[in-house]
Amino acid sequence: MPELPEVETVRRGLETALAGSIIEKVTLRRADLRIPFPAGMRKELEGFRIKAIRRRAKYLVFETSGSQLLIAHLGMTGRFSVESQRPKRFAAHDHVVIDLKDGRCMIYNDARRFGLMTLCGHNELGLHPMFAHLGPEPLEEEFSPAYLKSALSLRQAPIKTVIMDQAVVVGVGNIYASEALYLAGIDPRIPAVKAADKAHKLVKSIHKVLHAALASGGSSLKDFLHVSGEAGYFQHQFNVYGRKGEPCISCKKPIEQIRQAGRSTFFCSHCQK
């Protein structure tokens, strides 16, 4: 599933292409994705300008000149593309088509339909059920060493599981949690409370990993592509993720793999304590 760097890369591409554009027509080629499209979705979007596109956690938020925000989530296989003109034929999984007044169109394609689109009032986003429980953004000031130390000191669950908890910090998914813990020298298996004194180092490592991933356009392991159709290439910089049995870049001992909360964790038991 696309994580924060991938969603942010999509956001940047969409905002560059679409900010200031007017939505002329919305075509819903099915009744739902993961959830049904809201009633009146076309009416709430058609004729209004796309003012900006923001990101909250792994959600894209299209700010319009109308009364409603358009919220989108890519799920596992969702992808936006911006075409110079409306195609004569659509692909089987092109589920949403948004025609723009300038003749271009934005297409949302999602083979597995785990993504979603819904609406929300401009002043209601923080109260929306999808957003109300979310913790701070990892690249904003609120996610400080003091904040993380306090959050970890209350948790007995493994540190990797805790930093993937969206109520603690948003957007640090499976890949980037493994990579950040490696850079911080923290064993992913230890209770979060025992890592509290390393919060400063962990915040720094999370920042470093996410910034590097953003600079590389995210990671393309299977389905992720940019709005332009290009792949990200941060996967070529992984220190531990997906490298089971390969030598650690520091100590040369084999990288290990375990399962935590149903997800694969990769780490070096020598370098991470």
C-alpha atoms as a PDB file:
ATOM      1  CA  MET A   1       0.000   0.000   0.000  1.00  0.00           C
ATOM      2  CA  PRO A   2       1.372   3.473  -0.842  1.00  0.00           C
ATOM      3  CA  GLU A   3       2.810   5.160   2.243  1.00  0.00           C
ATOM      4  CA  LEU A   4       3.344   8.832   3.075  1.00  0.00           C
ATOM      5  CA  PRO A   5       6.181   9.533   0.581  1.00  0.00           C
ATOM      6  CA  GLU A   6       4.218   7.952  -2.265  1.00  0.00           C
ATOM      7  CA  VAL A   7       1.003   9.829  -1.431  1.00  0.00           C
ATOM      8  CA  GLU A   8       2.907  13.092  -1.030  1.00  0.00           C
ATOM      9  CA  THR A   9       4.586  12.525  -4.409  1.00  0.00           C
ATOM     10  CA  VAL A  10       1.153  12.033  -5.993  1.00  0.00           C
ATOM     11  CA  ARG A  11      -0.123  15.157  -4.228  1.00  0.00           C
ATOM     12  CA  ARG A  12       2.697  17.280  -5.596  1.00  0.00           C
ATOM     13  CA  GLY A  13       2.141  15.994  -9.112  1.00  0.00           C
ATOM     14  CA  LEU A  14      -1.600  16.587  -8.966  1.00  0.00           C
ATOM     15  CA  GLU A  15      -1.291  20.069  -7.486  1.00  0.00           C
ATOM     16  CA  THR A  16       1.221  21.108 -10.149  1.00  0.00           C
ATOM     17  CA  ALA A  17      -1.119  19.840 -12.862  1.00  0.00           C
ATOM     18  CA  LEU A  18      -4.510  20.829 -11.461  1.00  0.00           C
ATOM     19  CA  ALA A  19      -4.327  23.857  -9.140  1.00  0.00           C
ATOM     20  CA  GLY A  20      -6.523  26.581 -10.570  1.00  0.00           C
ATOM     21  CA  SER A  21      -8.397  24.240 -12.933  1.00  0.00           C
ATOM     22  CA  ILE A  22     -12.194  24.239 -13.093  1.00  0.00           C
ATOM     23  CA  ILE A  23     -14.093  20.958 -12.884  1.00  0.00           C
ATOM     24  CA  GLU A  24     -16.524  20.773 -15.786  1.00  0.00           C
ATOM     25  CA  LYS A  25     -17.898  17.252 -15.464  1.00  0.00           C
ATOM     26  CA  VAL A  26     -17.630  14.309 -13.070  1.00  0.00           C
ATOM     27  CA  THR A  27     -18.312  10.805 -14.393  1.00  0.00           C
ATOM     28  CA  LEU A  28     -18.664   7.950 -11.913  1.00  0.00           C
ATOM     29  CA  ARG A  29     -18.320   4.728 -13.872  1.00  0.00           C
ATOM     30  CA  ARG A  30     -19.518   2.569 -10.966  1.00  0.00           C
ATOM     31  CA  ALA A  31     -21.492   3.167  -7.755  1.00  0.00           C
ATOM     32  CA  ASP A  32     -18.676   2.686  -5.281  1.00  0.00           C
ATOM     33  CA  LEU A  33     -15.049   1.934  -4.505  1.00  0.00           C
ATOM     34  CA  ARG A  34     -14.278   0.718  -0.968  1.00  0.00           C
ATOM     35  CA  ILE A  35     -17.313   2.733   0.110  1.00  0.00           C
ATOM     36  CA  PRO A  36     -20.202   4.163  -1.954  1.00  0.00           C
ATOM     37  CA  PHE A  37     -19.707   7.533  -3.590  1.00  0.00           C
ATOM     38  CA  PRO A  38     -21.655  10.175  -1.653  1.00  0.00           C
ATOM     39  CA  ALA A  39     -25.017  11.285  -2.977  1.00  0.00           C
ATOM     40  CA  GLY A  40     -24.750  14.513  -4.930  1.00  0.00           C
ATOM     41  CA  MET A  41     -21.012  14.165  -5.531  1.00  0.00           C
ATOM     42  CA  ARG A  42     -21.247  15.439  -9.094  1.00  0.00           C
ATOM     43  CA  LYS A  43     -23.329  18.461  -8.082  1.00  0.00           C
ATOM     44  CA  GLU A  44     -20.906  19.370  -5.286  1.00  0.00           C
ATOM     45  CA  LEU A  45     -17.877  19.370  -7.601  1.00  0.00           C
ATOM     46  CA  GLU A  46     -18.982  20.408 -11.088  1.00  0.00           C
ATOM     47  CA  GLY A  47     -18.383  24.049 -11.919  1.00  0.00           C
ATOM     48  CA  PHE A  48     -15.981  24.669  -9.064  1.00  0.00           C
ATOM     49  CA  ARG A  49     -12.266  25.419  -9.117  1.00  0.00           C
ATOM     50  CA  ILE A  50      -9.583  23.181  -7.620  1.00  0.00           C
ATOM     51  CA  LYS A  51      -7.805  25.672  -5.354  1.00  0.00           C
ATOM     52  CA  ALA A  52      -5.194  23.360  -3.838  1.00  0.00           C
ATOM     53  CA  ILE A  53      -4.486  19.724  -3.050  1.00  0.00           C
ATOM     54  CA  ARG A  54      -3.354  18.861   0.446  1.00  0.00           C
ATOM     55  CA  ARG A  55      -2.373  15.655   2.195  1.00  0.00           C
ATOM     56  CA  ARG A  56      -3.387  14.420   5.638  1.00  0.00           C
ATOM     57  CA  ALA A  57      -1.784  11.103   6.577  1.00  0.00           C
ATOM     58  CA  LYS A  58      -2.321   8.934   3.477  1.00  0.00           C
ATOM     59  CA  TYR A  59      -5.371  10.870   2.287  1.00  0.00           C
ATOM     60  CA  LEU A  60      -5.451  13.429  -0.528  1.00  0.00           C
ATOM     61  CA  VAL A  61      -7.687  16.427   0.113  1.00  0.00           C
ATOM     62  CA  PHE A  62      -8.819  18.431  -2.915  1.00  0.00           C
ATOM     63  CA  GLU A  63      -9.748  21.935  -1.771  1.00  0.00           C
ATOM     64  CA  THR A  64     -12.399  23.380  -4.076  1.00  0.00           C
ATOM     65  CA  SER A  65     -14.078  26.766  -4.407  1.00  0.00           C
ATOM     66  CA  GLY A  66     -17.359  25.058  -3.501  1.00  0.00           C
ATOM     67  CA  SER A  67     -18.602  24.102  -0.062  1.00  0.00           C
ATOM     68  CA  GLN A  68     -17.105  20.601  -0.098  1.00  0.00           C
ATOM     69  CA  LEU A  69     -13.637  19.083   0.010  1.00  0.00           C
ATOM     70  CA  LEU A  70     -12.997  15.974  -2.060  1.00  0.00           C
ATOM     71  CA  ILE A  71     -11.184  13.308   0.000  1.00  0.00           C
ATOM     72  CA  ALA A  72      -9.390  10.482  -1.783  1.00  0.00           C
ATOM     73  CA  HIS A  73      -7.410   7.453  -0.625  1.00  0.00           C
ATOM     74  CA  LEU A  74      -5.392   5.316  -3.047  1.00  0.00           C
ATOM     75  CA  GLY A  75      -5.909   2.034  -1.231  1.00  0.00           C
ATOM     76  CA  MET A  76      -3.507  -0.577  -2.602  1.00  0.00           C
ATOM     77  CA  THR A  77      -3.726  -0.077  -6.363  1.00  0.00           C
ATOM     78  CA  GLY A  78      -5.325   3.335  -6.869  1.00  0.00           C
ATOM     79  CA  ARG A  79      -3.698   5.719  -9.326  1.00  0.00           C
ATOM     80  CA  PHE A  80      -4.490   9.190 -10.651  1.00  0.00           C
ATOM     81  CA  SER A  81      -3.435  10.281 -14.120  1.00  0.00           C
ATOM     82  CA  VAL A  82      -3.959  13.586 -15.895  1.00  0.00           C
ATOM     83  CA  GLU A  83      -4.595  13.308 -19.632  1.00  0.00           C
ATOM     84  CA  SER A  84      -4.289  16.091 -22.202  1.00  0.00           C
ATOM     85  CA  GLN A  85      -7.745  15.208 -23.504  1.00  0.00           C
ATOM     86  CA  ARG A  86     -10.561  12.799 -22.723  1.00  0.00           C
ATOM     87  CA  PRO A  87      -9.685   9.370 -24.150  1.00  0.00           C
ATOM     88  CA  LYS A  88     -12.094   7.780 -26.606  1.00  0.00           C
ATOM     89  CA  ARG A  89     -12.003   4.547 -24.643  1.00  0.00           C
ATOM     90  CA  PHE A  90     -11.447   3.927 -20.960  1.00  0.00           C
ATOM     91  CA  ALA A  91      -9.587   1.067 -19.313  1.00  0.00           C
ATOM     92  CA  ALA A  92     -11.580  -1.515 -17.391  1.00  0.00           C
ATOM     93  CA  HIS A  93     -10.646  -0.079 -14.004  1.00  0.00           C
ATOM     94  CA  ASP A  94     -10.968   3.636 -14.819  1.00  0.00           C
ATOM     95  CA  HIS A  95     -13.684   4.285 -12.235  1.00  0.00           C
ATOM     96  CA  VAL A  96     -13.782   8.089 -11.936  1.00  0.00           C
ATOM     97  CA  VAL A  97     -13.268  10.630 -14.720  1.00  0.00           C
ATOM     98  CA  ILE A  98     -13.098  14.345 -13.960  1.00  0.00           C
ATOM     99  CA  ASP A  99     -13.196  16.530 -17.058  1.00  0.00           C
ATOM    100  CA  LEU A 100     -11.647  19.974 -16.729  1.00  0.00           C
ATOM    101  CA  LYS A 101     -12.799  23.121 -18.457  1.00  0.00           C
ATOM    102  CA  ASP A 102      -9.493  23.407 -20.348  1.00  0.00           C
ATOM    103  CA  GLY A 103     -10.101  20.078 -22.125  1.00  0.00           C
ATOM    104  CA  ARG A 104      -7.907  17.873 -19.951  1.00  0.00           C
ATOM    105  CA  CYS A 105      -9.225  15.164 -17.680  1.00  0.00           C
ATOM    106  CA  MET A 106      -8.142  13.417 -14.495  1.00  0.00           C
ATOM    107  CA  ILE A 107      -8.746   9.671 -14.318  1.00  0.00           C
ATOM    108  CA  TYR A 108      -8.782   7.520 -11.188  1.00  0.00           C
ATOM    109  CA  ASN A 109      -7.951   3.869 -11.893  1.00  0.00           C
ATOM    110  CA  ASP A 110      -8.128   1.206  -9.179  1.00  0.00           C
ATOM    111  CA  ALA A 111      -7.987  -2.487 -10.061  1.00  0.00           C
ATOM    112  CA  ARG A 112      -8.709  -3.795  -6.555  1.00  0.00           C
ATOM    113  CA  ARG A 113     -11.039  -0.942  -5.535  1.00  0.00           C
ATOM    114  CA  PHE A 114      -9.594  -0.555  -2.020  1.00  0.00           C
ATOM    115  CA  GLY A 115      -9.365   3.208  -2.538  1.00  0.00           C
ATOM    116  CA  LEU A 116     -12.138   5.656  -1.789  1.00  0.00           C
ATOM    117  CA  MET A 117     -13.567   9.060  -2.581  1.00  0.00           C
ATOM    118  CA  THR A 118     -15.916  11.041  -0.382  1.00  0.00           C
ATOM    119  CA  LEU A 119     -16.843  14.623   0.485  1.00  0.00           C
ATOM    120  CA  CYS A 120     -16.457  16.749   3.598  1.00  0.00           C
ATOM    121  CA  GLY A 121     -17.273  20.339   4.520  1.00  0.00           C
ATOM    122  CA  HIS A 122     -14.320  22.730   4.588  1.00  0.00           C
ATOM    123  CA  ASN A 123     -14.515  23.267   8.342  1.00  0.00           C
ATOM    124  CA  GLU A 124     -15.332  19.681   9.273  1.00  0.00           C
ATOM    125  CA  LEU A 125     -12.201  17.786   8.209  1.00  0.00           C
ATOM    126  CA  GLY A 126     -10.716  17.406  11.696  1.00  0.00           C
ATOM    127  CA  LEU A 127     -13.999  15.951  12.975  1.00  0.00           C
ATOM    128  CA  HIS A 128     -14.498  13.521  10.098  1.00  0.00           C
ATOM    129  CA  PRO A 129     -14.423   9.858  11.236  1.00  0.00           C
ATOM    130  CA  MET A 130     -11.475   9.178   8.930  1.00  0.00           C
ATOM    131  CA  PHE A 131      -9.429  12.012  10.458  1.00  0.00           C
ATOM    132  CA  ALA A 132     -10.529  12.576  14.069  1.00  0.00           C
ATOM    133  CA  HIS A 133      -8.244   9.872  15.522  1.00  0.00           C
ATOM    134  CA  LEU A 134      -5.095  10.783  13.593  1.00  0.00           C
ATOM    135  CA  GLY A 135      -1.861  11.762  15.317  1.00  0.00           C
ATOM    136  CA  PRO A 136       0.611  14.422  14.173  1.00  0.00           C
ATOM    137  CA  GLU A 137       2.323  14.538  10.791  1.00  0.00           C
ATOM    138  CA  PRO A 138       5.880  13.146  11.085  1.00  0.00           C
ATOM    139  CA  LEU A 139       7.495  16.045   9.216  1.00  0.00           C
ATOM    140  CA  GLU A 140       5.778  18.818  11.150  1.00  0.00           C
ATOM    141  CA  GLU A 141       6.892  20.500  14.392  1.00  0.00           C
ATOM    142  CA  GLU A 142       4.235  18.790  16.497  1.00  0.00           C
ATOM    143  CA  PHE A 143       6.083  15.503  16.030  1.00  0.00           C
ATOM    144  CA  SER A 144       8.923  16.398  18.368  1.00  0.00           C
ATOM    145  CA  PRO A 145      11.261  14.230  20.476  1.00  0.00           C
ATOM    146  CA  ALA A 146       9.396  15.351  23.600  1.00  0.00           C
ATOM    147  CA  TYR A 147       6.052  14.340  22.092  1.00  0.00           C
ATOM    148  CA  LEU A 148       7.330  10.951  20.931  1.00  0.00           C
ATOM    149  CA  LYS A 149       9.043  10.212  24.268  1.00  0.00           C
ATOM    150  CA  SER A 150       5.770  10.866  26.065  1.00  0.00           C
ATOM    151  CA  ALA A 151       3.825   8.677  23.614  1.00  0.00           C
ATOM    152  CA  LEU A 152       6.298   5.792  23.859  1.00  0.00           C
ATOM    153  CA  SER A 153       6.444   5.896  27.651  1.00  0.00           C
ATOM    154  CA  LEU A 154       2.807   4.768  27.793  1.00  0.00           C
ATOM    155  CA  ARG A 155       3.165   1.776  25.462  1.00  0.00           C
ATOM    156  CA  GLN A 156       4.261  -1.819  26.085  1.00  0.00           C
ATOM    157  CA  ALA A 157       3.716  -2.954  22.476  1.00  0.00           C
ATOM    158  CA  PRO A 158       6.770  -3.447  20.220  1.00  0.00           C
ATOM    159  CA  ILE A 159       8.274  -0.142  19.098  1.00  0.00           C
ATOM    160  CA  LYS A 160       7.726  -0.826  15.388  1.00  0.00           C
ATOM    161  CA  THR A 161       4.035  -1.513  15.946  1.00  0.00           C
ATOM    162  CA  VAL A 162       3.691   1.703  17.944  1.00  0.00           C
ATOM    163  CA  ILE A 163       5.310   4.020  15.395  1.00  0.00           C
ATOM    164  CA  MET A 164       3.002   2.533  12.753  1.00  0.00           C
ATOM    165  CA  ASP A 165      -0.041   3.404  14.880  1.00  0.00           C
ATOM    166  CA  GLN A 166      -1.783   6.290  13.103  1.00  0.00           C
ATOM    167  CA  ALA A 167      -2.959   7.655  16.446  1.00  0.00           C
ATOM    168  CA  VAL A 168       0.685   8.111  17.492  1.00  0.00           C
ATOM    169  CA  VAL A 169       2.082   9.473  14.219  1.00  0.00           C
ATOM    170  CA  VAL A 170       0.600   9.287  10.736  1.00  0.00           C
ATOM    171  CA  GLY A 171       2.167   7.936   7.594  1.00  0.00           C
ATOM    172  CA  VAL A 172       5.095   5.922   8.987  1.00  0.00           C
ATOM    173  CA  GLY A 173       4.167   2.708   7.213  1.00  0.00           C
ATOM    174  CA  ASN A 174       5.832  -0.668   7.194  1.00  0.00           C
ATOM    175  CA  ILE A 175       8.741   0.093   4.872  1.00  0.00           C
ATOM    176  CA  TYR A 176       9.739   3.361   6.491  1.00  0.00           C
ATOM    177  CA  ALA A 177       9.296   2.078  10.062  1.00  0.00           C
ATOM    178  CA  SER A 178      11.808  -0.712   9.372  1.00  0.00           C
ATOM    179  CA  GLU A 179      14.241   1.683   7.724  1.00  0.00           C
ATOM    180  CA  ALA A 180      13.964   4.352  10.455  1.00  0.00           C
ATOM    181  CA  LEU A 181      14.491   1.843  13.261  1.00  0.00           C
ATOM    182  CA  TYR A 182      17.600   0.578  11.506  1.00  0.00           C
ATOM    183  CA  LEU A 183      19.047   4.083  11.220  1.00  0.00           C
ATOM    184  CA  ALA A 184      18.241   4.718  14.887  1.00  0.00           C
ATOM    185  CA  GLY A 185      19.841   1.414  15.957  1.00  0.00           C
ATOM    186  CA  ILE A 186      16.643   0.296  17.714  1.00  0.00           C
ATOM    187  CA  ASP A 187      15.504  -3.339  17.771  1.00  0.00           C
ATOM    188  CA  PRO A 188      11.923  -3.397  16.375  1.00  0.00           C
ATOM    189  CA  ARG A 189      10.928  -6.054  18.919  1.00  0.00           C
ATOM    190  CA  ILE A 190      11.575  -4.141  22.155  1.00  0.00           C
ATOM    191  CA  PRO A 191       8.657  -2.577  24.058  1.00  0.00           C
ATOM    192  CA  ALA A 192       8.083   1.036  23.077  1.00  0.00           C
ATOM    193  CA  VAL A 193       8.564   2.177  26.662  1.00  0.00           C
ATOM    194  CA  LYS A 194      12.159   0.886  26.561  1.00  0.00           C
ATOM    195  CA  ALA A 195      12.831   2.998  23.456  1.00  0.00           C
ATOM    196  CA  ALA A 196      11.436   6.204  24.975  1.00  0.00           C
ATOM    197  CA  ASP A 197      14.904   7.502  25.870  1.00  0.00           C
ATOM    198  CA  LYS A 198      15.884   7.170  22.199  1.00  0.00           C
ATOM    199  CA  ALA A 199      12.989   9.311  20.966  1.00  0.00           C
ATOM    200  CA  HIS A 200      15.300  12.095  19.770  1.00  0.00           C
ATOM    201  CA  LYS A 201      17.299   9.648  17.649  1.00  0.00           C
ATOM    202  CA  LEU A 202      14.135   8.000  16.297  1.00  0.00           C
ATOM    203  CA  VAL A 203      12.503  11.291  15.289  1.00  0.00           C
ATOM    204  CA  LYS A 204      15.709  12.247  13.478  1.00  0.00           C
ATOM    205  CA  SER A 205      15.801   8.878  11.680  1.00  0.00           C
ATOM    206  CA  ILE A 206      12.135   9.084  10.652  1.00  0.00           C
ATOM    207  CA  HIS A 207      12.777  12.547   9.224  1.00  0.00           C
ATOM    208  CA  LYS A 208      15.861  11.337   7.357  1.00  0.00           C
ATOM    209  CA  VAL A 209      14.136   8.313   5.828  1.00  0.00           C
ATOM    210  CA  LEU A 210      11.010  10.190   4.768  1.00  0.00           C
ATOM    211  CA  HIS A 211      12.951  13.088   3.246  1.00  0.00           C
ATOM    212  CA  ALA A 212      15.143  10.641   1.308  1.00  0.00           C
ATOM    213  CA  ALA A 213      12.083   8.761   0.084  1.00  0.00           C
ATOM    214  CA  LEU A 214      10.398  11.997  -1.017  1.00  0.00           C
ATOM    215  CA  ALA A 215      13.545  13.022  -2.905  1.00  0.00           C
ATOM    216  CA  SER A 216      13.403   9.659  -4.705  1.00  0.00           C
ATOM    217  CA  GLY A 217       9.711   9.891  -5.553  1.00  0.00           C
ATOM    218  CA  GLY A 218       8.731   7.163  -3.110  1.00  0.00           C
ATOM    219  CA  SER A 219       9.102   3.394  -3.444  1.00  0.00           C
ATOM    220  CA  SER A 220       7.645   1.351  -6.312  1.00  0.00           C
ATOM    221  CA  LEU A 221       7.477  -2.275  -5.200  1.00  0.00           C
ATOM    222  CA  LYS A 222       4.462  -3.401  -7.216  1.00  0.00           C
ATOM    223  CA  ASP A 223       1.692  -1.013  -8.238  1.00  0.00           C
ATOM    224  CA  PHE A 224       2.767   2.515  -7.293  1.00  0.00           C
ATOM    225  CA  LEU A 225       3.303   5.016 -10.108  1.00  0.00           C
ATOM    226  CA  HIS A 226       3.492   8.807 -10.135  1.00  0.00           C
ATOM    227  CA  VAL A 227       0.799  10.909 -11.806  1.00  0.00           C
ATOM    228  CA  SER A 228       3.176  11.046 -14.793  1.00  0.00           C
ATOM    229  CA  GLY A 229       3.302   7.254 -14.984  1.00  0.00           C
ATOM    230  CA  GLU A 230       6.883   7.052 -13.712  1.00  0.00           C
ATOM    231  CA  ALA A 231       7.969   4.777 -10.864  1.00  0.00           C
ATOM    232  CA  GLY A 232       9.625   5.863  -7.632  1.00  0.00           C
ATOM    233  CA  TYR A 233      13.111   4.567  -6.934  1.00  0.00           C
ATOM    234  CA  PHE A 234      13.701   4.722  -3.165  1.00  0.00           C
ATOM    235  CA  GLN A 235      13.540   0.899  -3.138  1.00  0.00           C
ATOM    236  CA  HIS A 236      17.087   0.943  -4.506  1.00  0.00           C
ATOM    237  CA  GLN A 237      18.234   2.609  -1.253  1.00  0.00           C
ATOM    238  CA  PHE A 238      16.737   0.180   1.273  1.00  0.00           C
ATOM    239  CA  ASN A 239      19.099  -0.719   4.113  1.00  0.00           C
ATOM    240  CA  VAL A 240      17.018  -3.583   5.506  1.00  0.00           C
ATOM    241  CA  TYR A 241      13.538  -3.767   3.954  1.00  0.00           C
ATOM    242  CA  GLY A 242      13.179  -6.767   1.647  1.00  0.00           C
ATOM    243  CA  ARG A 243      16.806  -7.798   2.217  1.00  0.00           C
ATOM    244  CA  LYS A 244      16.348 -10.983   4.283  1.00  0.00           C
ATOM    245  CA  GLY A 245      19.567 -12.994   4.305  1.00  0.00           C
ATOM    246  CA  GLU A 246      21.605 -10.275   2.625  1.00  0.00           C
ATOM    247  CA  PRO A 247      24.562  -8.756   4.518  1.00  0.00           C
ATOM    248  CA  CYS A 248      23.980  -5.713   6.709  1.00  0.00           C
ATOM    249  CA  ILE A 249      25.670  -2.702   5.127  1.00  0.00           C
ATOM    250  CA  SER A 250      27.409  -1.987   8.458  1.00  0.00           C
ATOM    251  CA  CYS A 251      28.327  -5.273  10.133  1.00  0.00           C
ATOM    252  CA  LYS A 252      27.817  -7.739   7.250  1.00  0.00           C
ATOM    253  CA  LYS A 253      25.670 -10.085   9.357  1.00  0.00           C
ATOM    254  CA  PRO A 254      22.539 -11.371   7.555  1.00  0.00           C
ATOM    255  CA  ILE A 255      19.398  -9.227   7.689  1.00  0.00           C
ATOM    256  CA  GLU A 256      16.599 -11.012   9.564  1.00  0.00           C
ATOM    257  CA  GLN A 257      12.864 -11.073   8.884  1.00  0.00           C
ATOM    258  CA  ILE A 258      10.024 -11.604  11.366  1.00  0.00           C
ATOM    259  CA  ARG A 259       6.269 -10.992  11.401  1.00  0.00           C
ATOM    260  CA  GLN A 260       4.793  -8.243  13.593  1.00  0.00           C
ATOM    261  CA  ALA A 261       1.087  -7.423  13.602  1.00  0.00           C
ATOM    262  CA  GLY A 262       0.722  -9.316  10.348  1.00  0.00           C
ATOM    263  CA  ARG A 263       3.480  -7.368   8.579  1.00  0.00           C
ATOM    264  CA  SER A 264       7.055  -8.243   7.643  1.00  0.00           C
ATOM    265  CA  THR A 265       9.784  -6.588   9.705  1.00  0.00           C
ATOM    266  CA  PHE A 266      13.392  -6.518   8.516  1.00  0.00           C
ATOM    267  CA  PHE A 267      16.283  -5.688  10.870  1.00  0.00           C
ATOM    268  CA  CYS A 268      19.872  -6.399  11.873  1.00  0.00           C
ATOM    269  CA  SER A 269      20.011  -8.045  15.300  1.00  0.00           C
ATOM    270  CA  HIS A 270      23.648  -6.988  15.706  1.00  0.00           C
ATOM    271  CA  CYS A 271      23.270  -3.274  14.881  1.00  0.00           C
ATOM    272  CA  GLN A 272      19.817  -2.787  16.416  1.00  0.00           C
ATOM    273  CA  LYS A 273      19.566  -3.118  20.189  1.00  0.00           C
END
